[in-house]
Structure formats: structure tokens, C-alpha cells
């Protein structure tokens, strides 16, 4: 990915950040894989990668603002979704 973004910008291709919070794992909410419900798809099917993302976020003190800023600085826009209105309010505050 590190090489793709500069290539796209050099060739005037737009880059859109998709899922910049890695399904919430980069929000700062989760401190370990055990913070996820055992029924959560991120725990059941994606446990190893989810654990790596959580560890990276914890080690580097990544939170919602940092993750969104990183994506915004490197892209033409961000595509996001929210489960409920409260999640949107949390981002906007």
C-alpha cells in the first residue's frame, strides 16, 4: 500500500480511504482481542489480523482521530459507515 498511493497520485488517479477505522479496531476502543465478543466476526473469522491491528493500535496509541487523519492526508476522500447514530456523533465530537 505504501507504493500504491504515490503511484496513484503521480498518475492522477484518485485514492479513496475505505474503512479507515478497520471495522472499529483502530478506534482506540479495543485494548486486546479479548475485548471482542466471542460471537463477533472479527473474533471468529479474522482473529489473527484483528489481534495484529489491535496490538498495533495499542502500541502506537492510535485512536479514531489519528486513524481518520492518516487516511484523510493520504486520500481524496474517506468512505465510512456507522452502525448507529451514536457512532456518528462520537466521530463528530
PDB file of N, CA and C in Angstrom:
ATOM      1  N   UNK A   1       0.819  -1.187   0.000  1.00  0.00           N
ATOM      2  CA  UNK A   1       0.000   0.000   0.000  1.00  0.00           C
ATOM      3  C   UNK A   1       0.861   1.248   0.000  1.00  0.00           C
ATOM      4  N   UNK A   2       1.996   1.182   0.622  1.00  0.00           N
ATOM      5  CA  UNK A   2       2.878   2.335   0.689  1.00  0.00           C
ATOM      6  C   UNK A   2       3.264   2.795  -0.715  1.00  0.00           C
ATOM      7  N   UNK A   3       3.448   1.885  -1.645  1.00  0.00           N
ATOM      8  CA  UNK A   3       3.842   2.237  -3.008  1.00  0.00           C
ATOM      9  C   UNK A   3       2.643   2.573  -3.886  1.00  0.00           C
ATOM     10  N   UNK A   4       1.496   2.057  -3.558  1.00  0.00           N
ATOM     11  CA  UNK A   4       0.312   2.262  -4.398  1.00  0.00           C
ATOM     12  C   UNK A   4      -0.164   3.713  -4.352  1.00  0.00           C
ATOM     13  N   UNK A   5      -0.226   4.300  -3.190  1.00  0.00           N
ATOM     14  CA  UNK A   5      -0.744   5.673  -3.066  1.00  0.00           C
ATOM     15  C   UNK A   5       0.106   6.663  -3.855  1.00  0.00           C
ATOM     16  N   UNK A   6       1.439   6.665  -3.705  1.00  0.00           N
ATOM     17  CA  UNK A   6       2.235   7.590  -4.523  1.00  0.00           C
ATOM     18  C   UNK A   6       2.070   7.343  -6.027  1.00  0.00           C
ATOM     19  N   UNK A   7       1.972   6.086  -6.427  1.00  0.00           N
ATOM     20  CA  UNK A   7       1.768   5.759  -7.838  1.00  0.00           C
ATOM     21  C   UNK A   7       0.462   6.369  -8.340  1.00  0.00           C
ATOM     22  N   UNK A   8      -0.597   6.199  -7.575  1.00  0.00           N
ATOM     23  CA  UNK A   8      -1.905   6.742  -7.975  1.00  0.00           C
ATOM     24  C   UNK A   8      -1.859   8.258  -8.076  1.00  0.00           C
ATOM     25  N   UNK A   9      -1.264   8.901  -7.094  1.00  0.00           N
ATOM     26  CA  UNK A   9      -1.188  10.365  -7.125  1.00  0.00           C
ATOM     27  C   UNK A   9      -0.350  10.848  -8.305  1.00  0.00           C
ATOM     28  N   UNK A  10       0.754  10.174  -8.574  1.00  0.00           N
ATOM     29  CA  UNK A  10       1.623  10.542  -9.695  1.00  0.00           C
ATOM     30  C   UNK A  10       0.869  10.422 -11.019  1.00  0.00           C
ATOM     31  N   UNK A  11       0.004   9.436 -11.125  1.00  0.00           N
ATOM     32  CA  UNK A  11      -0.738   9.188 -12.358  1.00  0.00           C
ATOM     33  C   UNK A  11      -2.153   9.782 -12.324  1.00  0.00           C
ATOM     34  N   UNK A  12      -2.360  10.707 -11.402  1.00  0.00           N
ATOM     35  CA  UNK A  12      -3.624  11.441 -11.290  1.00  0.00           C
ATOM     36  C   UNK A  12      -4.834  10.525 -11.122  1.00  0.00           C
ATOM     37  N   UNK A  13      -4.640   9.463 -10.357  1.00  0.00           N
ATOM     38  CA  UNK A  13      -5.729   8.556 -10.012  1.00  0.00           C
ATOM     39  C   UNK A  13      -6.192   8.893  -8.594  1.00  0.00           C
ATOM     40  N   UNK A  14      -7.474   8.928  -8.396  1.00  0.00           N
ATOM     41  CA  UNK A  14      -7.996   9.253  -7.071  1.00  0.00           C
ATOM     42  C   UNK A  14      -7.863   8.062  -6.139  1.00  0.00           C
ATOM     43  N   UNK A  15      -7.603   8.370  -4.887  1.00  0.00           N
ATOM     44  CA  UNK A  15      -7.472   7.356  -3.841  1.00  0.00           C
ATOM     45  C   UNK A  15      -8.552   7.633  -2.805  1.00  0.00           C
ATOM     46  N   UNK A  16      -9.354   6.630  -2.513  1.00  0.00           N
ATOM     47  CA  UNK A  16     -10.408   6.757  -1.520  1.00  0.00           C
ATOM     48  C   UNK A  16     -10.092   5.827  -0.356  1.00  0.00           C
ATOM     49  N   UNK A  17     -10.061   6.390   0.834  1.00  0.00           N
ATOM     50  CA  UNK A  17      -9.852   5.587   2.039  1.00  0.00           C
ATOM     51  C   UNK A  17     -11.141   4.859   2.379  1.00  0.00           C
ATOM     52  N   UNK A  18     -11.068   3.552   2.458  1.00  0.00           N
ATOM     53  CA  UNK A  18     -12.244   2.751   2.778  1.00  0.00           C
ATOM     54  C   UNK A  18     -11.998   2.027   4.101  1.00  0.00           C
ATOM     55  N   UNK A  19     -12.944   2.116   4.983  1.00  0.00           N
ATOM     56  CA  UNK A  19     -12.838   1.506   6.310  1.00  0.00           C
ATOM     57  C   UNK A  19     -11.591   1.983   7.062  1.00  0.00           C
ATOM     58  N   UNK A  20     -11.426   3.291   7.203  1.00  0.00           N
ATOM     59  CA  UNK A  20     -10.217   3.813   7.841  1.00  0.00           C
ATOM     60  C   UNK A  20     -10.071   3.433   9.315  1.00  0.00           C
ATOM     61  N   UNK A  21     -11.132   2.963   9.922  1.00  0.00           N
ATOM     62  CA  UNK A  21     -11.045   2.547  11.320  1.00  0.00           C
ATOM     63  C   UNK A  21     -10.931   1.026  11.465  1.00  0.00           C
ATOM     64  N   UNK A  22     -10.743   0.340  10.334  1.00  0.00           N
ATOM     65  CA  UNK A  22     -10.578  -1.122  10.331  1.00  0.00           C
ATOM     66  C   UNK A  22     -11.676  -1.789  11.152  1.00  0.00           C
ATOM     67  N   UNK A  23     -12.918  -1.456  10.785  1.00  0.00           N
ATOM     68  CA  UNK A  23     -14.089  -2.019  11.464  1.00  0.00           C
ATOM     69  C   UNK A  23     -14.062  -1.739  12.960  1.00  0.00           C
ATOM     70  N   UNK A  24     -13.564  -0.562  13.315  1.00  0.00           N
ATOM     71  CA  UNK A  24     -13.543  -0.130  14.710  1.00  0.00           C
ATOM     72  C   UNK A  24     -12.290  -0.506  15.467  1.00  0.00           C
ATOM     73  N   UNK A  25     -11.449  -1.350  14.891  1.00  0.00           N
ATOM     74  CA  UNK A  25     -10.262  -1.817  15.606  1.00  0.00           C
ATOM     75  C   UNK A  25      -9.224  -0.721  15.796  1.00  0.00           C
ATOM     76  N   UNK A  26      -9.282   0.341  14.979  1.00  0.00           N
ATOM     77  CA  UNK A  26      -8.347   1.460  15.137  1.00  0.00           C
ATOM     78  C   UNK A  26      -8.980   2.637  15.877  1.00  0.00           C
ATOM     79  N   UNK A  27     -10.084   2.405  16.534  1.00  0.00           N
ATOM     80  CA  UNK A  27     -10.783   3.482  17.232  1.00  0.00           C
ATOM     81  C   UNK A  27     -10.203   3.769  18.614  1.00  0.00           C
ATOM     82  N   UNK A  28      -9.386   2.862  19.119  1.00  0.00           N
ATOM     83  CA  UNK A  28      -8.857   3.013  20.469  1.00  0.00           C
ATOM     84  C   UNK A  28      -9.746   2.354  21.503  1.00  0.00           C
ATOM     85  N   UNK A  29     -10.878   1.833  21.065  1.00  0.00           N
ATOM     86  CA  UNK A  29     -11.842   1.205  21.966  1.00  0.00           C
ATOM     87  C   UNK A  29     -11.349  -0.150  22.478  1.00  0.00           C
ATOM     88  N   UNK A  30     -10.625  -0.879  21.644  1.00  0.00           N
ATOM     89  CA  UNK A  30     -10.224  -2.241  21.988  1.00  0.00           C
ATOM     90  C   UNK A  30      -8.761  -2.290  22.418  1.00  0.00           C
ATOM     91  N   UNK A  31      -8.515  -2.904  23.560  1.00  0.00           N
ATOM     92  CA  UNK A  31      -7.148  -2.998  24.093  1.00  0.00           C
ATOM     93  C   UNK A  31      -6.552  -4.383  23.907  1.00  0.00           C
ATOM     94  N   UNK A  32      -7.393  -5.376  23.639  1.00  0.00           N
ATOM     95  CA  UNK A  32      -6.916  -6.730  23.359  1.00  0.00           C
ATOM     96  C   UNK A  32      -7.984  -7.462  22.558  1.00  0.00           C
ATOM     97  N   UNK A  33      -7.606  -8.571  21.967  1.00  0.00           N
ATOM     98  CA  UNK A  33      -8.542  -9.361  21.175  1.00  0.00           C
ATOM     99  C   UNK A  33      -9.683  -9.855  22.055  1.00  0.00           C
ATOM    100  N   UNK A  34      -9.424 -10.015  23.342  1.00  0.00           N
ATOM    101  CA  UNK A  34     -10.458 -10.490  24.267  1.00  0.00           C
ATOM    102  C   UNK A  34     -11.516  -9.432  24.558  1.00  0.00           C
ATOM    103  N   UNK A  35     -11.311  -8.213  24.068  1.00  0.00           N
ATOM    104  CA  UNK A  35     -12.322  -7.161  24.207  1.00  0.00           C
ATOM    105  C   UNK A  35     -13.502  -7.415  23.268  1.00  0.00           C
ATOM    106  N   UNK A  36     -13.269  -8.229  22.243  1.00  0.00           N
ATOM    107  CA  UNK A  36     -14.320  -8.543  21.274  1.00  0.00           C
ATOM    108  C   UNK A  36     -15.182  -9.690  21.787  1.00  0.00           C
ATOM    109  N   UNK A  37     -16.441  -9.663  21.423  1.00  0.00           N
ATOM    110  CA  UNK A  37     -17.336 -10.765  21.738  1.00  0.00           C
ATOM    111  C   UNK A  37     -16.865 -12.013  21.012  1.00  0.00           C
ATOM    112  N   UNK A  38     -17.007 -13.151  21.643  1.00  0.00           N
ATOM    113  CA  UNK A  38     -16.619 -14.425  21.023  1.00  0.00           C
ATOM    114  C   UNK A  38     -17.500 -14.735  19.814  1.00  0.00           C
ATOM    115  N   UNK A  39     -18.625 -14.015  19.656  1.00  0.00           N
ATOM    116  CA  UNK A  39     -19.522 -14.198  18.515  1.00  0.00           C
ATOM    117  C   UNK A  39     -19.242 -13.195  17.402  1.00  0.00           C
ATOM    118  N   UNK A  40     -18.356 -12.254  17.656  1.00  0.00           N
ATOM    119  CA  UNK A  40     -18.013 -11.201  16.685  1.00  0.00           C
ATOM    120  C   UNK A  40     -17.223 -11.807  15.521  1.00  0.00           C
ATOM    121  N   UNK A  41     -17.608 -11.465  14.297  1.00  0.00           N
ATOM    122  CA  UNK A  41     -16.913 -11.995  13.115  1.00  0.00           C
ATOM    123  C   UNK A  41     -15.431 -11.620  13.135  1.00  0.00           C
ATOM    124  N   UNK A  42     -15.104 -10.470  13.714  1.00  0.00           N
ATOM    125  CA  UNK A  42     -13.697 -10.065  13.809  1.00  0.00           C
ATOM    126  C   UNK A  42     -12.931 -11.006  14.721  1.00  0.00           C
ATOM    127  N   UNK A  43     -13.631 -11.669  15.648  1.00  0.00           N
ATOM    128  CA  UNK A  43     -13.008 -12.638  16.546  1.00  0.00           C
ATOM    129  C   UNK A  43     -13.034 -14.042  15.934  1.00  0.00           C
ATOM    130  N   UNK A  44     -14.154 -14.405  15.333  1.00  0.00           N
ATOM    131  CA  UNK A  44     -14.326 -15.762  14.813  1.00  0.00           C
ATOM    132  C   UNK A  44     -13.503 -16.003  13.545  1.00  0.00           C
ATOM    133  N   UNK A  45     -13.709 -15.178  12.524  1.00  0.00           N
ATOM    134  CA  UNK A  45     -13.096 -15.425  11.217  1.00  0.00           C
ATOM    135  C   UNK A  45     -11.812 -14.648  10.975  1.00  0.00           C
ATOM    136  N   UNK A  46     -11.626 -13.553  11.690  1.00  0.00           N
ATOM    137  CA  UNK A  46     -10.490 -12.670  11.413  1.00  0.00           C
ATOM    138  C   UNK A  46      -9.642 -12.444  12.659  1.00  0.00           C
ATOM    139  N   UNK A  47      -9.590 -13.430  13.513  1.00  0.00           N
ATOM    140  CA  UNK A  47      -8.952 -13.269  14.820  1.00  0.00           C
ATOM    141  C   UNK A  47      -7.487 -12.832  14.732  1.00  0.00           C
ATOM    142  N   UNK A  48      -6.706 -13.488  13.889  1.00  0.00           N
ATOM    143  CA  UNK A  48      -5.273 -13.193  13.817  1.00  0.00           C
ATOM    144  C   UNK A  48      -5.011 -11.755  13.345  1.00  0.00           C
ATOM    145  N   UNK A  49      -5.661 -11.355  12.252  1.00  0.00           N
ATOM    146  CA  UNK A  49      -5.444  -9.995  11.733  1.00  0.00           C
ATOM    147  C   UNK A  49      -6.040  -8.962  12.684  1.00  0.00           C
ATOM    148  N   UNK A  50      -7.179  -9.279  13.288  1.00  0.00           N
ATOM    149  CA  UNK A  50      -7.785  -8.356  14.255  1.00  0.00           C
ATOM    150  C   UNK A  50      -6.850  -8.142  15.439  1.00  0.00           C
ATOM    151  N   UNK A  51      -6.254  -9.212  15.906  1.00  0.00           N
ATOM    152  CA  UNK A  51      -5.315  -9.118  17.025  1.00  0.00           C
ATOM    153  C   UNK A  51      -4.099  -8.261  16.654  1.00  0.00           C
ATOM    154  N   UNK A  52      -3.588  -8.432  15.445  1.00  0.00           N
ATOM    155  CA  UNK A  52      -2.444  -7.637  14.992  1.00  0.00           C
ATOM    156  C   UNK A  52      -2.812  -6.151  14.906  1.00  0.00           C
ATOM    157  N   UNK A  53      -4.002  -5.860  14.406  1.00  0.00           N
ATOM    158  CA  UNK A  53      -4.441  -4.460  14.300  1.00  0.00           C
ATOM    159  C   UNK A  53      -4.596  -3.848  15.680  1.00  0.00           C
ATOM    160  N   UNK A  54      -5.231  -4.572  16.599  1.00  0.00           N
ATOM    161  CA  UNK A  54      -5.416  -4.066  17.963  1.00  0.00           C
ATOM    162  C   UNK A  54      -4.059  -3.834  18.620  1.00  0.00           C
ATOM    163  N   UNK A  55      -3.137  -4.764  18.478  1.00  0.00           N
ATOM    164  CA  UNK A  55      -1.801  -4.612  19.075  1.00  0.00           C
ATOM    165  C   UNK A  55      -1.079  -3.403  18.497  1.00  0.00           C
ATOM    166  N   UNK A  56      -1.172  -3.218  17.180  1.00  0.00           N
ATOM    167  CA  UNK A  56      -0.552  -2.061  16.527  1.00  0.00           C
ATOM    168  C   UNK A  56      -1.162  -0.763  17.060  1.00  0.00           C
ATOM    169  N   UNK A  57      -2.486  -0.727  17.128  1.00  0.00           N
ATOM    170  CA  UNK A  57      -3.179   0.481  17.593  1.00  0.00           C
ATOM    171  C   UNK A  57      -2.830   0.799  19.041  1.00  0.00           C
ATOM    172  N   UNK A  58      -2.764  -0.213  19.866  1.00  0.00           N
ATOM    173  CA  UNK A  58      -2.435  -0.011  21.282  1.00  0.00           C
ATOM    174  C   UNK A  58      -0.993   0.470  21.435  1.00  0.00           C
ATOM    175  N   UNK A  59      -0.082  -0.201  20.763  1.00  0.00           N
ATOM    176  CA  UNK A  59       1.344   0.155  20.845  1.00  0.00           C
ATOM    177  C   UNK A  59       1.595   1.586  20.366  1.00  0.00           C
ATOM    178  N   UNK A  60       0.903   1.999  19.306  1.00  0.00           N
ATOM    179  CA  UNK A  60       1.121   3.317  18.702  1.00  0.00           C
ATOM    180  C   UNK A  60       0.103   4.370  19.145  1.00  0.00           C
ATOM    181  N   UNK A  61      -0.705   4.009  20.141  1.00  0.00           N
ATOM    182  CA  UNK A  61      -1.704   4.933  20.710  1.00  0.00           C
ATOM    183  C   UNK A  61      -2.605   5.527  19.623  1.00  0.00           C
ATOM    184  N   UNK A  62      -3.066   4.643  18.729  1.00  0.00           N
ATOM    185  CA  UNK A  62      -3.956   5.055  17.647  1.00  0.00           C
ATOM    186  C   UNK A  62      -5.367   5.179  18.198  1.00  0.00           C
ATOM    187  N   UNK A  63      -6.036   6.243  17.812  1.00  0.00           N
ATOM    188  CA  UNK A  63      -7.433   6.427  18.170  1.00  0.00           C
ATOM    189  C   UNK A  63      -8.190   6.853  16.914  1.00  0.00           C
ATOM    190  N   UNK A  64      -9.464   7.113  17.050  1.00  0.00           N
ATOM    191  CA  UNK A  64     -10.292   7.466  15.903  1.00  0.00           C
ATOM    192  C   UNK A  64      -9.732   8.669  15.152  1.00  0.00           C
ATOM    193  N   UNK A  65      -9.395   9.713  15.863  1.00  0.00           N
ATOM    194  CA  UNK A  65      -8.904  10.932  15.228  1.00  0.00           C
ATOM    195  C   UNK A  65      -7.608  10.679  14.457  1.00  0.00           C
ATOM    196  N   UNK A  66      -6.672   9.978  15.061  1.00  0.00           N
ATOM    197  CA  UNK A  66      -5.407   9.684  14.382  1.00  0.00           C
ATOM    198  C   UNK A  66      -5.629   8.834  13.133  1.00  0.00           C
ATOM    199  N   UNK A  67      -6.479   7.826  13.235  1.00  0.00           N
ATOM    200  CA  UNK A  67      -6.730   6.946  12.091  1.00  0.00           C
ATOM    201  C   UNK A  67      -7.391   7.710  10.948  1.00  0.00           C
ATOM    202  N   UNK A  68      -8.366   8.550  11.265  1.00  0.00           N
ATOM    203  CA  UNK A  68      -9.045   9.325  10.225  1.00  0.00           C
ATOM    204  C   UNK A  68      -8.116  10.362   9.611  1.00  0.00           C
ATOM    205  N   UNK A  69      -7.305  11.005  10.428  1.00  0.00           N
ATOM    206  CA  UNK A  69      -6.345  11.984   9.903  1.00  0.00           C
ATOM    207  C   UNK A  69      -5.334  11.323   8.971  1.00  0.00           C
ATOM    208  N   UNK A  70      -4.849  10.148   9.337  1.00  0.00           N
ATOM    209  CA  UNK A  70      -3.892   9.429   8.486  1.00  0.00           C
ATOM    210  C   UNK A  70      -4.514   9.164   7.130  1.00  0.00           C
ATOM    211  N   UNK A  71      -5.722   8.657   7.132  1.00  0.00           N
ATOM    212  CA  UNK A  71      -6.409   8.338   5.885  1.00  0.00           C
ATOM    213  C   UNK A  71      -6.705   9.596   5.079  1.00  0.00           C
ATOM    214  N   UNK A  72      -7.147  10.646   5.738  1.00  0.00           N
ATOM    215  CA  UNK A  72      -7.503  11.894   5.048  1.00  0.00           C
ATOM    216  C   UNK A  72      -6.287  12.533   4.374  1.00  0.00           C
ATOM    217  N   UNK A  73      -5.134  12.448   5.011  1.00  0.00           N
ATOM    218  CA  UNK A  73      -3.922  13.047   4.446  1.00  0.00           C
ATOM    219  C   UNK A  73      -3.421  12.304   3.213  1.00  0.00           C
ATOM    220  N   UNK A  74      -3.804  11.049   3.085  1.00  0.00           N
ATOM    221  CA  UNK A  74      -3.278  10.217   2.005  1.00  0.00           C
ATOM    222  C   UNK A  74      -4.304   9.886   0.929  1.00  0.00           C
ATOM    223  N   UNK A  75      -5.485  10.444   1.041  1.00  0.00           N
ATOM    224  CA  UNK A  75      -6.525  10.093   0.081  1.00  0.00           C
ATOM    225  C   UNK A  75      -7.306  11.326  -0.373  1.00  0.00           C
ATOM    226  N   UNK A  76      -8.134  11.115  -1.380  1.00  0.00           N
ATOM    227  CA  UNK A  76      -9.001  12.179  -1.875  1.00  0.00           C
ATOM    228  C   UNK A  76     -10.298  12.257  -1.083  1.00  0.00           C
ATOM    229  N   UNK A  77     -10.590  11.237  -0.345  1.00  0.00           N
ATOM    230  CA  UNK A  77     -11.802  11.188   0.468  1.00  0.00           C
ATOM    231  C   UNK A  77     -11.845   9.904   1.255  1.00  0.00           C
ATOM    232  N   UNK A  78     -12.805   9.828   2.160  1.00  0.00           N
ATOM    233  CA  UNK A  78     -12.943   8.666   3.028  1.00  0.00           C
ATOM    234  C   UNK A  78     -14.364   8.124   2.909  1.00  0.00           C
ATOM    235  N   UNK A  79     -14.490   6.817   2.792  1.00  0.00           N
ATOM    236  CA  UNK A  79     -15.786   6.153   2.779  1.00  0.00           C
ATOM    237  C   UNK A  79     -15.948   5.463   4.130  1.00  0.00           C
ATOM    238  N   UNK A  80     -17.005   5.834   4.838  1.00  0.00           N
ATOM    239  CA  UNK A  80     -17.229   5.273   6.172  1.00  0.00           C
ATOM    240  C   UNK A  80     -18.680   4.857   6.321  1.00  0.00           C
ATOM    241  N   UNK A  81     -18.920   3.992   7.270  1.00  0.00           N
ATOM    242  CA  UNK A  81     -20.286   3.635   7.632  1.00  0.00           C
ATOM    243  C   UNK A  81     -20.371   3.585   9.155  1.00  0.00           C
ATOM    244  N   UNK A  82     -21.579   3.627   9.638  1.00  0.00           N
ATOM    245  CA  UNK A  82     -21.820   3.624  11.082  1.00  0.00           C
ATOM    246  C   UNK A  82     -22.951   2.668  11.398  1.00  0.00           C
ATOM    247  N   UNK A  83     -22.859   1.992  12.540  1.00  0.00           N
ATOM    248  CA  UNK A  83     -23.926   1.086  12.950  1.00  0.00           C
ATOM    249  C   UNK A  83     -25.129   1.841  13.486  1.00  0.00           C
ATOM    250  N   UNK A  84     -24.851   2.985  14.095  1.00  0.00           N
ATOM    251  CA  UNK A  84     -25.949   3.752  14.675  1.00  0.00           C
ATOM    252  C   UNK A  84     -25.559   5.218  14.768  1.00  0.00           C
ATOM    253  N   UNK A  85     -26.520   6.039  15.128  1.00  0.00           N
ATOM    254  CA  UNK A  85     -26.305   7.482  15.209  1.00  0.00           C
ATOM    255  C   UNK A  85     -25.247   7.843  16.254  1.00  0.00           C
ATOM    256  N   UNK A  86     -25.164   7.080  17.328  1.00  0.00           N
ATOM    257  CA  UNK A  86     -24.185   7.367  18.368  1.00  0.00           C
ATOM    258  C   UNK A  86     -22.757   7.257  17.838  1.00  0.00           C
ATOM    259  N   UNK A  87     -22.480   6.277  16.981  1.00  0.00           N
ATOM    260  CA  UNK A  87     -21.143   6.151  16.405  1.00  0.00           C
ATOM    261  C   UNK A  87     -20.802   7.380  15.579  1.00  0.00           C
ATOM    262  N   UNK A  88     -21.746   7.886  14.824  1.00  0.00           N
ATOM    263  CA  UNK A  88     -21.521   9.095  14.034  1.00  0.00           C
ATOM    264  C   UNK A  88     -21.258  10.288  14.962  1.00  0.00           C
ATOM    265  N   UNK A  89     -22.040  10.407  16.009  1.00  0.00           N
ATOM    266  CA  UNK A  89     -21.852  11.511  16.967  1.00  0.00           C
ATOM    267  C   UNK A  89     -20.471  11.425  17.617  1.00  0.00           C
ATOM    268  N   UNK A  90     -20.015  10.216  17.919  1.00  0.00           N
ATOM    269  CA  UNK A  90     -18.696  10.028  18.550  1.00  0.00           C
ATOM    270  C   UNK A  90     -17.585  10.544  17.636  1.00  0.00           C
ATOM    271  N   UNK A  91     -17.743  10.361  16.327  1.00  0.00           N
ATOM    272  CA  UNK A  91     -16.757  10.823  15.357  1.00  0.00           C
ATOM    273  C   UNK A  91     -16.774  12.336  15.251  1.00  0.00           C
ATOM    274  N   UNK A  92     -17.951  12.911  15.273  1.00  0.00           N
ATOM    275  CA  UNK A  92     -18.101  14.342  15.044  1.00  0.00           C
ATOM    276  C   UNK A  92     -17.751  15.193  16.248  1.00  0.00           C
ATOM    277  N   UNK A  93     -17.716  14.618  17.405  1.00  0.00           N
ATOM    278  CA  UNK A  93     -17.424  15.399  18.629  1.00  0.00           C
ATOM    279  C   UNK A  93     -15.953  15.607  18.810  1.00  0.00           C
TER     280      UNK A  93
END
